[in-house]
Amino acid sequence: MAARHHLATMVTEVRAARADLMAPAHYEPPALPVSLTFGPDTVADTGLSRVEEALPDTPVVRLGPTAHPTLHCTLGDGTDPAAWRRLRRATAHLHVAPAAQAVLGRPGG
């Protein structure tokens, strides 16, 4: 996916929900981030060490070719609201654009 579809950055989230979609709507808690993935072009533009330093307490998995890797970081297991804090820390470290910061500035962290 990273190479074929030109992945830049991807945040994966998990949301608790009912299996029955025919039931009336009700409050659902916000989704929680599970992982953060940086595509090979983003890693090349930002710098491998800079991306790896974004989450110092989180193991980074290198995927794909060694010369042009995709980096994948696990932020949580989908149950820990502190994952939002980790995500905000990573985006602040990498100086993510203000529009993206607004999307990532969700409650719960």
PDB file of N, CA and C in Angstrom:
ATOM      1  N   MET A   1       0.824  -1.172   0.000  1.00  0.00           N
ATOM      2  CA  MET A   1       0.000   0.000   0.000  1.00  0.00           C
ATOM      3  C   MET A   1       0.884   1.257   0.000  1.00  0.00           C
ATOM      4  N   ALA A   2       1.962   1.239   0.730  1.00  0.00           N
ATOM      5  CA  ALA A   2       2.803   2.427   0.851  1.00  0.00           C
ATOM      6  C   ALA A   2       3.378   2.830  -0.497  1.00  0.00           C
ATOM      7  N   ALA A   3       3.878   1.897  -1.246  1.00  0.00           N
ATOM      8  CA  ALA A   3       4.511   2.237  -2.515  1.00  0.00           C
ATOM      9  C   ALA A   3       3.485   2.394  -3.631  1.00  0.00           C
ATOM     10  N   ARG A   4       2.565   1.481  -3.738  1.00  0.00           N
ATOM     11  CA  ARG A   4       1.608   1.491  -4.845  1.00  0.00           C
ATOM     12  C   ARG A   4       0.643   2.672  -4.775  1.00  0.00           C
ATOM     13  N   HIS A   5       0.222   3.043  -3.573  1.00  0.00           N
ATOM     14  CA  HIS A   5      -0.771   4.102  -3.415  1.00  0.00           C
ATOM     15  C   HIS A   5      -0.184   5.403  -2.872  1.00  0.00           C
ATOM     16  N   HIS A   6       1.133   5.509  -2.822  1.00  0.00           N
ATOM     17  CA  HIS A   6       1.829   6.727  -2.400  1.00  0.00           C
ATOM     18  C   HIS A   6       1.397   7.190  -1.007  1.00  0.00           C
ATOM     19  N   LEU A   7       1.422   6.261  -0.060  1.00  0.00           N
ATOM     20  CA  LEU A   7       1.073   6.571   1.324  1.00  0.00           C
ATOM     21  C   LEU A   7       2.004   7.639   1.874  1.00  0.00           C
ATOM     22  N   ALA A   8       1.426   8.689   2.441  1.00  0.00           N
ATOM     23  CA  ALA A   8       2.225   9.722   3.098  1.00  0.00           C
ATOM     24  C   ALA A   8       2.238   9.446   4.593  1.00  0.00           C
ATOM     25  N   THR A   9       1.088   9.560   5.249  1.00  0.00           N
ATOM     26  CA  THR A   9       0.944   9.284   6.672  1.00  0.00           C
ATOM     27  C   THR A   9      -0.434   8.689   6.897  1.00  0.00           C
ATOM     28  N   MET A  10      -0.533   7.709   7.796  1.00  0.00           N
ATOM     29  CA  MET A  10      -1.809   7.078   8.075  1.00  0.00           C
ATOM     30  C   MET A  10      -1.969   6.883   9.581  1.00  0.00           C
ATOM     31  N   VAL A  11      -3.107   7.308  10.125  1.00  0.00           N
ATOM     32  CA  VAL A  11      -3.459   7.061  11.516  1.00  0.00           C
ATOM     33  C   VAL A  11      -4.569   6.027  11.505  1.00  0.00           C
ATOM     34  N   THR A  12      -4.380   4.940  12.228  1.00  0.00           N
ATOM     35  CA  THR A  12      -5.395   3.898  12.329  1.00  0.00           C
ATOM     36  C   THR A  12      -6.097   4.056  13.666  1.00  0.00           C
ATOM     37  N   GLU A  13      -7.435   4.016  13.657  1.00  0.00           N
ATOM     38  CA  GLU A  13      -8.234   4.197  14.866  1.00  0.00           C
ATOM     39  C   GLU A  13      -9.178   3.022  15.063  1.00  0.00           C
ATOM     40  N   VAL A  14      -9.602   2.822  16.308  1.00  0.00           N
ATOM     41  CA  VAL A  14     -10.587   1.802  16.654  1.00  0.00           C
ATOM     42  C   VAL A  14     -11.732   2.499  17.360  1.00  0.00           C
ATOM     43  N   ARG A  15     -12.939   2.123  17.013  1.00  0.00           N
ATOM     44  CA  ARG A  15     -14.125   2.706  17.635  1.00  0.00           C
ATOM     45  C   ARG A  15     -15.014   1.561  18.130  1.00  0.00           C
ATOM     46  N   ALA A  16     -15.479   1.694  19.377  1.00  0.00           N
ATOM     47  CA  ALA A  16     -16.440   0.732  19.912  1.00  0.00           C
ATOM     48  C   ALA A  16     -17.802   1.062  19.321  1.00  0.00           C
ATOM     49  N   ALA A  17     -18.531   0.059  18.879  1.00  0.00           N
ATOM     50  CA  ALA A  17     -19.853   0.298  18.304  1.00  0.00           C
ATOM     51  C   ALA A  17     -20.691  -0.973  18.411  1.00  0.00           C
ATOM     52  N   ARG A  18     -21.981  -0.784  18.267  1.00  0.00           N
ATOM     53  CA  ARG A  18     -22.897  -1.921  18.292  1.00  0.00           C
ATOM     54  C   ARG A  18     -22.856  -2.644  16.954  1.00  0.00           C
ATOM     55  N   ALA A  19     -23.133  -3.917  16.964  1.00  0.00           N
ATOM     56  CA  ALA A  19     -23.168  -4.703  15.733  1.00  0.00           C
ATOM     57  C   ALA A  19     -24.447  -4.443  14.945  1.00  0.00           C
ATOM     58  N   ASP A  20     -25.530  -4.066  15.619  1.00  0.00           N
ATOM     59  CA  ASP A  20     -26.813  -3.873  14.975  1.00  0.00           C
ATOM     60  C   ASP A  20     -26.961  -2.422  14.516  1.00  0.00           C
ATOM     61  N   LEU A  21     -26.851  -2.195  13.215  1.00  0.00           N
ATOM     62  CA  LEU A  21     -26.944  -0.842  12.683  1.00  0.00           C
ATOM     63  C   LEU A  21     -28.388  -0.370  12.526  1.00  0.00           C
ATOM     64  N   MET A  22     -29.360  -1.231  12.796  1.00  0.00           N
ATOM     65  CA  MET A  22     -30.767  -0.853  12.678  1.00  0.00           C
ATOM     66  C   MET A  22     -31.289  -0.222  13.975  1.00  0.00           C
ATOM     67  N   ALA A  23     -30.525  -0.276  15.045  1.00  0.00           N
ATOM     68  CA  ALA A  23     -30.942   0.302  16.326  1.00  0.00           C
ATOM     69  C   ALA A  23     -30.865   1.825  16.249  1.00  0.00           C
ATOM     70  N   PRO A  24     -31.673   2.531  17.042  1.00  0.00           N
ATOM     71  CA  PRO A  24     -31.625   4.000  17.035  1.00  0.00           C
ATOM     72  C   PRO A  24     -30.233   4.516  17.429  1.00  0.00           C
ATOM     73  N   ALA A  25     -29.899   5.677  16.902  1.00  0.00           N
ATOM     74  CA  ALA A  25     -28.605   6.291  17.190  1.00  0.00           C
ATOM     75  C   ALA A  25     -28.483   6.655  18.664  1.00  0.00           C
ATOM     76  N   HIS A  26     -27.291   6.551  19.190  1.00  0.00           N
ATOM     77  CA  HIS A  26     -26.988   6.994  20.540  1.00  0.00           C
ATOM     78  C   HIS A  26     -25.510   7.379  20.598  1.00  0.00           C
ATOM     79  N   TYR A  27     -25.104   7.975  21.711  1.00  0.00           N
ATOM     80  CA  TYR A  27     -23.727   8.425  21.867  1.00  0.00           C
ATOM     81  C   TYR A  27     -22.766   7.247  21.758  1.00  0.00           C
ATOM     82  N   GLU A  28     -21.742   7.439  20.981  1.00  0.00           N
ATOM     83  CA  GLU A  28     -20.640   6.481  20.891  1.00  0.00           C
ATOM     84  C   GLU A  28     -19.377   7.223  21.301  1.00  0.00           C
ATOM     85  N   PRO A  29     -18.506   6.619  22.090  1.00  0.00           N
ATOM     86  CA  PRO A  29     -17.267   7.296  22.480  1.00  0.00           C
ATOM     87  C   PRO A  29     -16.391   7.544  21.252  1.00  0.00           C
ATOM     88  N   PRO A  30     -15.516   8.552  21.322  1.00  0.00           N
ATOM     89  CA  PRO A  30     -14.645   8.834  20.170  1.00  0.00           C
ATOM     90  C   PRO A  30     -13.695   7.678  19.895  1.00  0.00           C
ATOM     91  N   ALA A  31     -13.293   7.603  18.646  1.00  0.00           N
ATOM     92  CA  ALA A  31     -12.320   6.583  18.253  1.00  0.00           C
ATOM     93  C   ALA A  31     -10.986   6.854  18.942  1.00  0.00           C
ATOM     94  N   LEU A  32     -10.215   5.803  19.146  1.00  0.00           N
ATOM     95  CA  LEU A  32      -8.889   5.929  19.759  1.00  0.00           C
ATOM     96  C   LEU A  32      -7.833   5.494  18.745  1.00  0.00           C
ATOM     97  N   PRO A  33      -6.754   6.267  18.613  1.00  0.00           N
ATOM     98  CA  PRO A  33      -5.713   5.877  17.666  1.00  0.00           C
ATOM     99  C   PRO A  33      -5.008   4.598  18.116  1.00  0.00           C
ATOM    100  N   VAL A  34      -4.691   3.771  17.150  1.00  0.00           N
ATOM    101  CA  VAL A  34      -4.010   2.506  17.414  1.00  0.00           C
ATOM    102  C   VAL A  34      -2.590   2.542  16.853  1.00  0.00           C
ATOM    103  N   SER A  35      -2.425   3.170  15.686  1.00  0.00           N
ATOM    104  CA  SER A  35      -1.090   3.204  15.089  1.00  0.00           C
ATOM    105  C   SER A  35      -0.905   4.431  14.218  1.00  0.00           C
ATOM    106  N   LEU A  36       0.350   4.694  13.938  1.00  0.00           N
ATOM    107  CA  LEU A  36       0.748   5.802  13.088  1.00  0.00           C
ATOM    108  C   LEU A  36       1.782   5.249  12.113  1.00  0.00           C
ATOM    109  N   THR A  37       1.537   5.450  10.819  1.00  0.00           N
ATOM    110  CA  THR A  37       2.415   4.907   9.787  1.00  0.00           C
ATOM    111  C   THR A  37       2.882   6.033   8.874  1.00  0.00           C
ATOM    112  N   PHE A  38       4.163   6.057   8.592  1.00  0.00           N
ATOM    113  CA  PHE A  38       4.756   7.054   7.703  1.00  0.00           C
ATOM    114  C   PHE A  38       5.214   6.369   6.434  1.00  0.00           C
ATOM    115  N   GLY A  39       4.728   6.830   5.295  1.00  0.00           N
ATOM    116  CA  GLY A  39       5.121   6.270   4.006  1.00  0.00           C
ATOM    117  C   GLY A  39       6.559   6.590   3.666  1.00  0.00           C
ATOM    118  N   PRO A  40       7.105   5.893   2.673  1.00  0.00           N
ATOM    119  CA  PRO A  40       8.528   6.056   2.343  1.00  0.00           C
ATOM    120  C   PRO A  40       8.904   7.463   1.902  1.00  0.00           C
ATOM    121  N   ASP A  41       8.025   8.150   1.180  1.00  0.00           N
ATOM    122  CA  ASP A  41       8.360   9.517   0.753  1.00  0.00           C
ATOM    123  C   ASP A  41       8.378  10.472   1.938  1.00  0.00           C
ATOM    124  N   THR A  42       7.444  10.297   2.883  1.00  0.00           N
ATOM    125  CA  THR A  42       7.423  11.122   4.085  1.00  0.00           C
ATOM    126  C   THR A  42       8.678  10.889   4.911  1.00  0.00           C
ATOM    127  N   VAL A  43       9.077   9.621   5.036  1.00  0.00           N
ATOM    128  CA  VAL A  43      10.300   9.290   5.784  1.00  0.00           C
ATOM    129  C   VAL A  43      11.509   9.920   5.104  1.00  0.00           C
ATOM    130  N   ALA A  44      11.570   9.844   3.781  1.00  0.00           N
ATOM    131  CA  ALA A  44      12.707  10.417   3.054  1.00  0.00           C
ATOM    132  C   ALA A  44      12.733  11.939   3.192  1.00  0.00           C
ATOM    133  N   ASP A  45      11.564  12.583   3.088  1.00  0.00           N
ATOM    134  CA  ASP A  45      11.504  14.047   3.179  1.00  0.00           C
ATOM    135  C   ASP A  45      11.789  14.554   4.586  1.00  0.00           C
ATOM    136  N   THR A  46      11.315  13.825   5.598  1.00  0.00           N
ATOM    137  CA  THR A  46      11.448  14.255   6.991  1.00  0.00           C
ATOM    138  C   THR A  46      12.778  13.832   7.592  1.00  0.00           C
ATOM    139  N   GLY A  47      13.264  12.700   7.169  1.00  0.00           N
ATOM    140  CA  GLY A  47      14.499  12.139   7.713  1.00  0.00           C
ATOM    141  C   GLY A  47      14.186  10.948   8.606  1.00  0.00           C
ATOM    142  N   LEU A  48      14.850   9.845   8.343  1.00  0.00           N
ATOM    143  CA  LEU A  48      14.608   8.605   9.064  1.00  0.00           C
ATOM    144  C   LEU A  48      14.771   8.779  10.569  1.00  0.00           C
ATOM    145  N   SER A  49      15.864   9.373  11.023  1.00  0.00           N
ATOM    146  CA  SER A  49      16.102   9.504  12.464  1.00  0.00           C
ATOM    147  C   SER A  49      15.084  10.436  13.114  1.00  0.00           C
ATOM    148  N   ARG A  50      14.671  11.489  12.396  1.00  0.00           N
ATOM    149  CA  ARG A  50      13.686  12.424  12.951  1.00  0.00           C
ATOM    150  C   ARG A  50      12.343  11.730  13.175  1.00  0.00           C
ATOM    151  N   VAL A  51      11.913  10.911  12.235  1.00  0.00           N
ATOM    152  CA  VAL A  51      10.652  10.177  12.396  1.00  0.00           C
ATOM    153  C   VAL A  51      10.783   9.173  13.536  1.00  0.00           C
ATOM    154  N   GLU A  52      11.905   8.463  13.607  1.00  0.00           N
ATOM    155  CA  GLU A  52      12.101   7.487  14.680  1.00  0.00           C
ATOM    156  C   GLU A  52      12.138   8.155  16.052  1.00  0.00           C
ATOM    157  N   GLU A  53      12.616   9.396  16.140  1.00  0.00           N
ATOM    158  CA  GLU A  53      12.678  10.117  17.416  1.00  0.00           C
ATOM    159  C   GLU A  53      11.326  10.682  17.854  1.00  0.00           C
ATOM    160  N   ALA A  54      10.346  10.681  16.972  1.00  0.00           N
ATOM    161  CA  ALA A  54       9.038  11.277  17.272  1.00  0.00           C
ATOM    162  C   ALA A  54       8.340  10.580  18.440  1.00  0.00           C
ATOM    163  N   LEU A  55       8.540   9.281  18.574  1.00  0.00           N
ATOM    164  CA  LEU A  55       7.946   8.509  19.670  1.00  0.00           C
ATOM    165  C   LEU A  55       9.044   7.679  20.328  1.00  0.00           C
ATOM    166  N   PRO A  56       9.839   8.299  21.188  1.00  0.00           N
ATOM    167  CA  PRO A  56      11.004   7.599  21.750  1.00  0.00           C
ATOM    168  C   PRO A  56      10.665   6.371  22.586  1.00  0.00           C
ATOM    169  N   ASP A  57       9.476   6.314  23.178  1.00  0.00           N
ATOM    170  CA  ASP A  57       9.106   5.176  24.021  1.00  0.00           C
ATOM    171  C   ASP A  57       8.307   4.123  23.261  1.00  0.00           C
ATOM    172  N   THR A  58       8.210   4.280  21.946  1.00  0.00           N
ATOM    173  CA  THR A  58       7.406   3.376  21.128  1.00  0.00           C
ATOM    174  C   THR A  58       8.295   2.690  20.106  1.00  0.00           C
ATOM    175  N   PRO A  59       8.245   1.360  20.045  1.00  0.00           N
ATOM    176  CA  PRO A  59       9.054   0.671  19.034  1.00  0.00           C
ATOM    177  C   PRO A  59       8.571   1.041  17.625  1.00  0.00           C
ATOM    178  N   VAL A  60       9.515   1.277  16.733  1.00  0.00           N
ATOM    179  CA  VAL A  60       9.209   1.599  15.344  1.00  0.00           C
ATOM    180  C   VAL A  60       9.563   0.387  14.494  1.00  0.00           C
ATOM    181  N   VAL A  61       8.620  -0.040  13.670  1.00  0.00           N
ATOM    182  CA  VAL A  61       8.846  -1.180  12.784  1.00  0.00           C
ATOM    183  C   VAL A  61       9.111  -0.640  11.387  1.00  0.00           C
ATOM    184  N   ARG A  62      10.222  -1.055  10.810  1.00  0.00           N
ATOM    185  CA  ARG A  62      10.550  -0.662   9.435  1.00  0.00           C
ATOM    186  C   ARG A  62       9.956  -1.703   8.497  1.00  0.00           C
ATOM    187  N   LEU A  63       9.236  -1.210   7.496  1.00  0.00           N
ATOM    188  CA  LEU A  63       8.602  -2.083   6.509  1.00  0.00           C
ATOM    189  C   LEU A  63       9.109  -1.715   5.123  1.00  0.00           C
ATOM    190  N   GLY A  64       9.223  -2.696   4.256  1.00  0.00           N
ATOM    191  CA  GLY A  64       9.636  -2.432   2.878  1.00  0.00           C
ATOM    192  C   GLY A  64      11.136  -2.397   2.718  1.00  0.00           C
ATOM    193  N   PRO A  65      11.572  -1.814   1.605  1.00  0.00           N
ATOM    194  CA  PRO A  65      13.007  -1.795   1.294  1.00  0.00           C
ATOM    195  C   PRO A  65      13.813  -0.998   2.318  1.00  0.00           C
ATOM    196  N   THR A  66      14.975  -1.473   2.633  1.00  0.00           N
ATOM    197  CA  THR A  66      15.839  -0.817   3.609  1.00  0.00           C
ATOM    198  C   THR A  66      16.207   0.602   3.182  1.00  0.00           C
ATOM    199  N   ALA A  67      16.422   0.797   1.896  1.00  0.00           N
ATOM    200  CA  ALA A  67      16.831   2.110   1.409  1.00  0.00           C
ATOM    201  C   ALA A  67      15.691   3.127   1.399  1.00  0.00           C
ATOM    202  N   HIS A  68      14.439   2.673   1.411  1.00  0.00           N
ATOM    203  CA  HIS A  68      13.278   3.571   1.302  1.00  0.00           C
ATOM    204  C   HIS A  68      12.138   2.999   2.155  1.00  0.00           C
ATOM    205  N   PRO A  69      12.329   2.903   3.495  1.00  0.00           N
ATOM    206  CA  PRO A  69      11.358   2.193   4.328  1.00  0.00           C
ATOM    207  C   PRO A  69      10.089   2.986   4.646  1.00  0.00           C
ATOM    208  N   THR A  70       9.054   2.245   4.984  1.00  0.00           N
ATOM    209  CA  THR A  70       7.851   2.777   5.607  1.00  0.00           C
ATOM    210  C   THR A  70       8.036   2.518   7.094  1.00  0.00           C
ATOM    211  N   LEU A  71       7.649   3.450   7.971  1.00  0.00           N
ATOM    212  CA  LEU A  71       7.797   3.265   9.414  1.00  0.00           C
ATOM    213  C   LEU A  71       6.414   3.155  10.056  1.00  0.00           C
ATOM    214  N   HIS A  72       6.244   2.150  10.900  1.00  0.00           N
ATOM    215  CA  HIS A  72       4.962   1.893  11.560  1.00  0.00           C
ATOM    216  C   HIS A  72       5.178   1.904  13.075  1.00  0.00           C
ATOM    217  N   CYS A  73       4.366   2.713  13.785  1.00  0.00           N
ATOM    218  CA  CYS A  73       4.465   2.836  15.243  1.00  0.00           C
ATOM    219  C   CYS A  73       3.116   2.463  15.860  1.00  0.00           C
ATOM    220  N   THR A  74       3.125   1.615  16.866  1.00  0.00           N
ATOM    221  CA  THR A  74       1.902   1.300  17.591  1.00  0.00           C
ATOM    222  C   THR A  74       1.720   2.333  18.696  1.00  0.00           C
ATOM    223  N   LEU A  75       0.547   2.974  18.735  1.00  0.00           N
ATOM    224  CA  LEU A  75       0.256   4.008  19.734  1.00  0.00           C
ATOM    225  C   LEU A  75      -0.507   3.461  20.927  1.00  0.00           C
ATOM    226  N   GLY A  76      -1.240   2.386  20.750  1.00  0.00           N
ATOM    227  CA  GLY A  76      -2.054   1.809  21.813  1.00  0.00           C
ATOM    228  C   GLY A  76      -2.796   0.593  21.291  1.00  0.00           C
ATOM    229  N   ASP A  77      -3.670   0.052  22.139  1.00  0.00           N
ATOM    230  CA  ASP A  77      -4.420  -1.146  21.753  1.00  0.00           C
ATOM    231  C   ASP A  77      -5.887  -0.859  21.455  1.00  0.00           C
ATOM    232  N   GLY A  78      -6.241   0.416  21.371  1.00  0.00           N
ATOM    233  CA  GLY A  78      -7.623   0.790  21.086  1.00  0.00           C
ATOM    234  C   GLY A  78      -8.462   0.996  22.331  1.00  0.00           C
ATOM    235  N   THR A  79      -7.851   0.847  23.516  1.00  0.00           N
ATOM    236  CA  THR A  79      -8.587   1.045  24.770  1.00  0.00           C
ATOM    237  C   THR A  79      -7.981   2.140  25.634  1.00  0.00           C
ATOM    238  N   ASP A  80      -6.799   2.634  25.274  1.00  0.00           N
ATOM    239  CA  ASP A  80      -6.067   3.584  26.111  1.00  0.00           C
ATOM    240  C   ASP A  80      -6.160   5.005  25.562  1.00  0.00           C
ATOM    241  N   PRO A  81      -6.894   5.917  26.228  1.00  0.00           N
ATOM    242  CA  PRO A  81      -6.990   7.300  25.756  1.00  0.00           C
ATOM    243  C   PRO A  81      -5.640   8.028  25.690  1.00  0.00           C
ATOM    244  N   ALA A  82      -4.628   7.526  26.384  1.00  0.00           N
ATOM    245  CA  ALA A  82      -3.298   8.150  26.334  1.00  0.00           C
ATOM    246  C   ALA A  82      -2.690   8.059  24.932  1.00  0.00           C
ATOM    247  N   ALA A  83      -3.253   7.226  24.077  1.00  0.00           N
ATOM    248  CA  ALA A  83      -2.755   7.120  22.706  1.00  0.00           C
ATOM    249  C   ALA A  83      -2.898   8.457  21.980  1.00  0.00           C
ATOM    250  N   TRP A  84      -3.943   9.247  22.326  1.00  0.00           N
ATOM    251  CA  TRP A  84      -4.084  10.577  21.720  1.00  0.00           C
ATOM    252  C   TRP A  84      -2.909  11.466  22.106  1.00  0.00           C
ATOM    253  N   ARG A  85      -2.443  11.367  23.349  1.00  0.00           N
ATOM    254  CA  ARG A  85      -1.299  12.159  23.806  1.00  0.00           C
ATOM    255  C   ARG A  85      -0.047  11.775  23.014  1.00  0.00           C
ATOM    256  N   ARG A  86       0.139  10.471  22.811  1.00  0.00           N
ATOM    257  CA  ARG A  86       1.302  10.015  22.048  1.00  0.00           C
ATOM    258  C   ARG A  86       1.249  10.552  20.606  1.00  0.00           C
ATOM    259  N   LEU A  87       0.062  10.516  20.024  1.00  0.00           N
ATOM    260  CA  LEU A  87      -0.094  10.995  18.656  1.00  0.00           C
ATOM    261  C   LEU A  87       0.185  12.501  18.566  1.00  0.00           C
ATOM    262  N   ARG A  88      -0.341  13.261  19.508  1.00  0.00           N
ATOM    263  CA  ARG A  88      -0.100  14.711  19.505  1.00  0.00           C
ATOM    264  C   ARG A  88       1.384  15.022  19.707  1.00  0.00           C
ATOM    265  N   ARG A  89       2.049  14.233  20.578  1.00  0.00           N
ATOM    266  CA  ARG A  89       3.489  14.440  20.807  1.00  0.00           C
ATOM    267  C   ARG A  89       4.275  14.188  19.517  1.00  0.00           C
ATOM    268  N   ALA A  90       3.910  13.133  18.797  1.00  0.00           N
ATOM    269  CA  ALA A  90       4.610  12.807  17.546  1.00  0.00           C
ATOM    270  C   ALA A  90       4.395  13.894  16.507  1.00  0.00           C
ATOM    271  N   THR A  91       3.156  14.368  16.357  1.00  0.00           N
ATOM    272  CA  THR A  91       2.896  15.410  15.359  1.00  0.00           C
ATOM    273  C   THR A  91       3.564  16.727  15.740  1.00  0.00           C
ATOM    274  N   ALA A  92       3.633  17.029  17.027  1.00  0.00           N
ATOM    275  CA  ALA A  92       4.316  18.249  17.459  1.00  0.00           C
ATOM    276  C   ALA A  92       5.817  18.145  17.172  1.00  0.00           C
ATOM    277  N   HIS A  93       6.397  16.983  17.430  1.00  0.00           N
ATOM    278  CA  HIS A  93       7.827  16.766  17.175  1.00  0.00           C
ATOM    279  C   HIS A  93       8.146  16.935  15.691  1.00  0.00           C
ATOM    280  N   LEU A  94       7.236  16.459  14.859  1.00  0.00           N
ATOM    281  CA  LEU A  94       7.468  16.496  13.418  1.00  0.00           C
ATOM    282  C   LEU A  94       6.955  17.784  12.771  1.00  0.00           C
ATOM    283  N   HIS A  95       6.394  18.675  13.587  1.00  0.00           N
ATOM    284  CA  HIS A  95       5.877  19.950  13.084  1.00  0.00           C
ATOM    285  C   HIS A  95       4.875  19.744  11.956  1.00  0.00           C
ATOM    286  N   VAL A  96       3.850  18.945  12.247  1.00  0.00           N
ATOM    287  CA  VAL A  96       2.796  18.673  11.266  1.00  0.00           C
ATOM    288  C   VAL A  96       2.035  19.958  10.987  1.00  0.00           C
ATOM    289  N   ALA A  97       1.563  20.125   9.776  1.00  0.00           N
ATOM    290  CA  ALA A  97       0.848  21.332   9.340  1.00  0.00           C
ATOM    291  C   ALA A  97      -0.336  21.639  10.252  1.00  0.00           C
ATOM    292  N   PRO A  98      -0.678  22.929  10.455  1.00  0.00           N
ATOM    293  CA  PRO A  98      -1.772  23.324  11.348  1.00  0.00           C
ATOM    294  C   PRO A  98      -3.106  22.658  11.044  1.00  0.00           C
ATOM    295  N   ALA A  99      -3.446  22.450   9.774  1.00  0.00           N
ATOM    296  CA  ALA A  99      -4.720  21.803   9.436  1.00  0.00           C
ATOM    297  C   ALA A  99      -4.765  20.378   9.993  1.00  0.00           C
ATOM    298  N   ALA A 100      -3.665  19.653   9.879  1.00  0.00           N
ATOM    299  CA  ALA A 100      -3.607  18.296  10.417  1.00  0.00           C
ATOM    300  C   ALA A 100      -3.652  18.324  11.935  1.00  0.00           C
ATOM    301  N   GLN A 101      -3.001  19.305  12.565  1.00  0.00           N
ATOM    302  CA  GLN A 101      -3.029  19.428  14.026  1.00  0.00           C
ATOM    303  C   GLN A 101      -4.456  19.613  14.519  1.00  0.00           C
ATOM    304  N   ALA A 102      -5.267  20.374  13.772  1.00  0.00           N
ATOM    305  CA  ALA A 102      -6.662  20.597  14.169  1.00  0.00           C
ATOM    306  C   ALA A 102      -7.424  19.286  14.172  1.00  0.00           C
ATOM    307  N   VAL A 103      -7.178  18.424  13.204  1.00  0.00           N
ATOM    308  CA  VAL A 103      -7.836  17.122  13.136  1.00  0.00           C
ATOM    309  C   VAL A 103      -7.361  16.247  14.284  1.00  0.00           C
ATOM    310  N   LEU A 104      -6.061  16.299  14.613  1.00  0.00           N
ATOM    311  CA  LEU A 104      -5.485  15.442  15.632  1.00  0.00           C
ATOM    312  C   LEU A 104      -5.703  15.962  17.047  1.00  0.00           C
ATOM    313  N   GLY A 105      -6.175  17.164  17.209  1.00  0.00           N
ATOM    314  CA  GLY A 105      -6.359  17.754  18.538  1.00  0.00           C
ATOM    315  C   GLY A 105      -7.651  17.317  19.189  1.00  0.00           C
ATOM    316  N   ARG A 106      -7.936  16.048  19.125  1.00  0.00           N
ATOM    317  CA  ARG A 106      -9.183  15.520  19.677  1.00  0.00           C
ATOM    318  C   ARG A 106      -9.125  15.443  21.189  1.00  0.00           C
ATOM    319  N   PRO A 107     -10.304  15.342  21.825  1.00  0.00           N
ATOM    320  CA  PRO A 107     -10.344  15.234  23.296  1.00  0.00           C
ATOM    321  C   PRO A 107      -9.868  13.865  23.758  1.00  0.00           C
ATOM    322  N   GLY A 108      -9.630  13.755  25.041  1.00  0.00           N
ATOM    323  CA  GLY A 108      -9.321  12.461  25.640  1.00  0.00           C
ATOM    324  C   GLY A 108      -7.854  12.244  25.885  1.00  0.00           C
ATOM    325  N   GLY A 109      -6.983  13.188  25.663  1.00  0.00           N
ATOM    326  CA  GLY A 109      -5.561  12.975  25.814  1.00  0.00           C
ATOM    327  C   GLY A 109      -4.997  13.932  26.681  1.00  0.00           C
TER     328      GLY A 109
END
